[in-house]
Amino acid sequence: MSEEVHTGTITLWLGTRGYGFIKDDVPSYKGVFLHARDLPNGMKDIAEGTKVSFKIGERNGKPLARDVHIIA
């Protein structure tokens, strides 16, 4: 788990399923999984192309976005 704050862009959001992926601006990860429960302030949906900051956790050995915030 990384406490480092990353920035990236929502590349895919499947609102009906409640998850999507973030493309990290630093190419250390191909795509970081994002679950709706990790969206800020109880949001349920987010537009593809939205810039976000996030930390990277891990679930089942794969990267998972947490502490997600929209960059204005």
N, C-alpha and C. Protein backbone atom coordinates (compact mmCIF):
# COMPACT_ATOMS: atom_id res chain seq x y z
N MET A 1 0.85 -1.17 0.00
CA MET A 1 0.00 0.00 0.00
C MET A 1 0.89 1.24 0.00
N SER A 2 0.55 2.21 -0.83
CA SER A 2 1.37 3.41 -0.98
C SER A 2 0.66 4.62 -0.40
N GLU A 3 1.38 5.40 0.40
CA GLU A 3 0.84 6.65 0.92
C GLU A 3 1.10 7.80 -0.04
N GLU A 4 1.86 7.52 -1.09
CA GLU A 4 2.16 8.53 -2.11
C GLU A 4 0.88 8.89 -2.85
N VAL A 5 0.68 10.18 -3.09
CA VAL A 5 -0.49 10.63 -3.84
C VAL A 5 -0.16 10.63 -5.32
N HIS A 6 -0.99 9.95 -6.09
CA HIS A 6 -0.86 9.87 -7.54
C HIS A 6 -1.92 10.75 -8.19
N THR A 7 -1.72 11.08 -9.44
CA THR A 7 -2.76 11.74 -10.23
C THR A 7 -2.99 10.90 -11.47
N GLY A 8 -4.20 11.03 -12.01
CA GLY A 8 -4.53 10.26 -13.20
C GLY A 8 -5.87 10.68 -13.77
N THR A 9 -6.35 9.90 -14.73
CA THR A 9 -7.58 10.21 -15.45
C THR A 9 -8.48 8.98 -15.45
N ILE A 10 -9.77 9.20 -15.23
CA ILE A 10 -10.74 8.11 -15.32
C ILE A 10 -10.82 7.70 -16.79
N THR A 11 -10.44 6.46 -17.08
CA THR A 11 -10.44 6.00 -18.47
C THR A 11 -11.66 5.15 -18.80
N LEU A 12 -12.26 4.55 -17.78
CA LEU A 12 -13.44 3.73 -17.97
C LEU A 12 -14.26 3.79 -16.70
N TRP A 13 -15.56 4.03 -16.85
CA TRP A 13 -16.45 4.00 -15.69
C TRP A 13 -17.72 3.25 -16.07
N LEU A 14 -17.99 2.17 -15.37
CA LEU A 14 -19.19 1.36 -15.58
C LEU A 14 -20.12 1.62 -14.40
N GLY A 15 -20.90 2.69 -14.51
CA GLY A 15 -21.75 3.13 -13.41
C GLY A 15 -22.75 2.09 -12.95
N THR A 16 -23.29 1.31 -13.87
CA THR A 16 -24.27 0.30 -13.47
C THR A 16 -23.62 -0.82 -12.66
N ARG A 17 -22.33 -0.98 -12.82
CA ARG A 17 -21.61 -2.01 -12.06
C ARG A 17 -20.85 -1.42 -10.86
N GLY A 18 -20.69 -0.08 -10.85
CA GLY A 18 -20.06 0.58 -9.72
C GLY A 18 -18.56 0.50 -9.66
N TYR A 19 -17.92 0.39 -10.83
CA TYR A 19 -16.47 0.39 -10.83
C TYR A 19 -15.92 0.91 -12.16
N GLY A 20 -14.62 1.16 -12.16
CA GLY A 20 -13.95 1.62 -13.36
C GLY A 20 -12.45 1.57 -13.16
N PHE A 21 -11.74 2.32 -14.02
CA PHE A 21 -10.28 2.31 -13.97
C PHE A 21 -9.72 3.72 -14.12
N ILE A 22 -8.58 3.93 -13.49
CA ILE A 22 -7.85 5.19 -13.57
C ILE A 22 -6.53 4.90 -14.28
N LYS A 23 -6.19 5.74 -15.25
CA LYS A 23 -4.86 5.66 -15.88
C LYS A 23 -3.95 6.60 -15.09
N ASP A 24 -2.96 6.04 -14.43
CA ASP A 24 -2.01 6.81 -13.63
C ASP A 24 -1.17 7.68 -14.56
N ASP A 25 -0.94 8.95 -14.17
CA ASP A 25 -0.11 9.84 -14.98
C ASP A 25 1.33 9.34 -15.05
N VAL A 26 1.78 8.65 -14.01
CA VAL A 26 3.10 8.03 -14.03
C VAL A 26 2.88 6.59 -14.48
N PRO A 27 3.55 6.17 -15.52
CA PRO A 27 3.23 4.86 -16.11
C PRO A 27 3.68 3.66 -15.28
N SER A 28 3.62 3.78 -13.95
CA SER A 28 4.02 2.66 -13.09
C SER A 28 2.93 1.59 -13.04
N TYR A 29 1.70 1.97 -13.34
CA TYR A 29 0.58 1.04 -13.35
C TYR A 29 -0.16 1.21 -14.67
N LYS A 30 -0.59 0.10 -15.27
CA LYS A 30 -1.34 0.18 -16.53
C LYS A 30 -2.72 0.77 -16.30
N GLY A 31 -3.39 0.31 -15.27
CA GLY A 31 -4.71 0.79 -14.92
C GLY A 31 -4.97 0.45 -13.47
N VAL A 32 -5.51 1.39 -12.74
CA VAL A 32 -5.77 1.18 -11.32
C VAL A 32 -7.28 1.03 -11.14
N PHE A 33 -7.71 -0.06 -10.55
CA PHE A 33 -9.12 -0.34 -10.31
C PHE A 33 -9.71 0.69 -9.36
N LEU A 34 -10.91 1.13 -9.65
CA LEU A 34 -11.62 2.10 -8.81
C LEU A 34 -13.02 1.58 -8.54
N HIS A 35 -13.37 1.42 -7.26
CA HIS A 35 -14.72 1.01 -6.87
C HIS A 35 -15.50 2.25 -6.43
N ALA A 36 -16.81 2.23 -6.66
CA ALA A 36 -17.66 3.38 -6.33
C ALA A 36 -17.55 3.79 -4.87
N ARG A 37 -17.30 2.85 -3.96
CA ARG A 37 -17.20 3.20 -2.54
C ARG A 37 -16.01 4.11 -2.25
N ASP A 38 -15.04 4.18 -3.18
CA ASP A 38 -13.87 5.02 -2.99
C ASP A 38 -13.98 6.38 -3.67
N LEU A 39 -15.14 6.66 -4.27
CA LEU A 39 -15.38 7.98 -4.86
C LEU A 39 -15.59 8.98 -3.73
N PRO A 40 -15.27 10.25 -3.95
CA PRO A 40 -15.39 11.25 -2.87
C PRO A 40 -16.84 11.59 -2.53
N ASN A 41 -17.07 11.91 -1.26
CA ASN A 41 -18.33 12.45 -0.76
C ASN A 41 -19.56 11.66 -1.17
N GLY A 42 -19.48 10.34 -1.18
CA GLY A 42 -20.64 9.51 -1.48
C GLY A 42 -21.09 9.54 -2.93
N MET A 43 -20.25 10.04 -3.82
CA MET A 43 -20.61 10.05 -5.25
C MET A 43 -20.85 8.61 -5.70
N LYS A 44 -21.73 8.43 -6.66
CA LYS A 44 -22.01 7.11 -7.22
C LYS A 44 -21.55 7.01 -8.67
N ASP A 45 -21.22 8.13 -9.28
CA ASP A 45 -20.90 8.17 -10.69
C ASP A 45 -19.79 9.19 -10.92
N ILE A 46 -18.99 8.95 -11.94
CA ILE A 46 -17.93 9.89 -12.30
C ILE A 46 -17.71 9.78 -13.81
N ALA A 47 -17.47 10.90 -14.45
CA ALA A 47 -17.34 10.92 -15.91
C ALA A 47 -15.95 10.47 -16.35
N GLU A 48 -15.93 9.72 -17.45
CA GLU A 48 -14.65 9.37 -18.06
C GLU A 48 -13.96 10.66 -18.48
N GLY A 49 -12.65 10.71 -18.30
CA GLY A 49 -11.88 11.91 -18.61
C GLY A 49 -11.67 12.81 -17.41
N THR A 50 -12.33 12.53 -16.29
CA THR A 50 -12.16 13.33 -15.08
C THR A 50 -10.77 13.11 -14.50
N LYS A 51 -10.08 14.20 -14.16
CA LYS A 51 -8.76 14.13 -13.51
C LYS A 51 -8.96 13.93 -12.02
N VAL A 52 -8.19 13.02 -11.44
CA VAL A 52 -8.33 12.71 -10.02
C VAL A 52 -6.95 12.55 -9.38
N SER A 53 -6.94 12.71 -8.06
CA SER A 53 -5.78 12.33 -7.26
C SER A 53 -6.21 11.14 -6.42
N PHE A 54 -5.26 10.28 -6.07
CA PHE A 54 -5.60 9.06 -5.34
C PHE A 54 -4.36 8.44 -4.74
N LYS A 55 -4.58 7.56 -3.79
CA LYS A 55 -3.53 6.72 -3.24
C LYS A 55 -3.78 5.31 -3.75
N ILE A 56 -2.77 4.48 -3.72
CA ILE A 56 -2.90 3.13 -4.22
C ILE A 56 -2.84 2.13 -3.07
N GLY A 57 -3.90 1.35 -2.97
CA GLY A 57 -3.93 0.24 -2.04
C GLY A 57 -3.83 -1.05 -2.83
N GLU A 58 -4.19 -2.15 -2.19
CA GLU A 58 -4.09 -3.43 -2.87
C GLU A 58 -5.27 -4.31 -2.45
N ARG A 59 -5.79 -5.05 -3.42
CA ARG A 59 -6.84 -6.02 -3.15
C ARG A 59 -6.57 -7.23 -4.03
N ASN A 60 -6.49 -8.38 -3.41
CA ASN A 60 -6.19 -9.63 -4.12
C ASN A 60 -4.92 -9.51 -4.96
N GLY A 61 -3.93 -8.79 -4.44
CA GLY A 61 -2.65 -8.66 -5.13
C GLY A 61 -2.64 -7.68 -6.30
N LYS A 62 -3.72 -6.93 -6.47
CA LYS A 62 -3.81 -5.97 -7.59
C LYS A 62 -4.00 -4.56 -7.05
N PRO A 63 -3.51 -3.55 -7.81
CA PRO A 63 -3.65 -2.16 -7.33
C PRO A 63 -5.11 -1.72 -7.29
N LEU A 64 -5.44 -0.95 -6.26
CA LEU A 64 -6.79 -0.44 -6.03
C LEU A 64 -6.69 1.01 -5.61
N ALA A 65 -7.45 1.89 -6.28
CA ALA A 65 -7.44 3.32 -5.92
C ALA A 65 -8.21 3.52 -4.62
N ARG A 66 -7.69 4.39 -3.77
CA ARG A 66 -8.39 4.77 -2.54
C ARG A 66 -8.13 6.24 -2.28
N ASP A 67 -8.92 6.83 -1.40
CA ASP A 67 -8.80 8.27 -1.09
C ASP A 67 -8.83 9.10 -2.37
N VAL A 68 -9.79 8.85 -3.22
CA VAL A 68 -9.90 9.51 -4.52
C VAL A 68 -10.50 10.89 -4.35
N HIS A 69 -9.91 11.89 -5.03
CA HIS A 69 -10.41 13.27 -5.02
C HIS A 69 -10.36 13.82 -6.45
N ILE A 70 -11.40 14.55 -6.81
CA ILE A 70 -11.44 15.18 -8.13
C ILE A 70 -10.52 16.39 -8.13
N ILE A 71 -9.74 16.55 -9.19
CA ILE A 71 -8.87 17.71 -9.36
C ILE A 71 -9.63 18.75 -10.16
N ALA A 72 -9.77 19.91 -9.59
CA ALA A 72 -10.52 20.99 -10.27
C ALA A 72 -9.74 21.59 -11.41
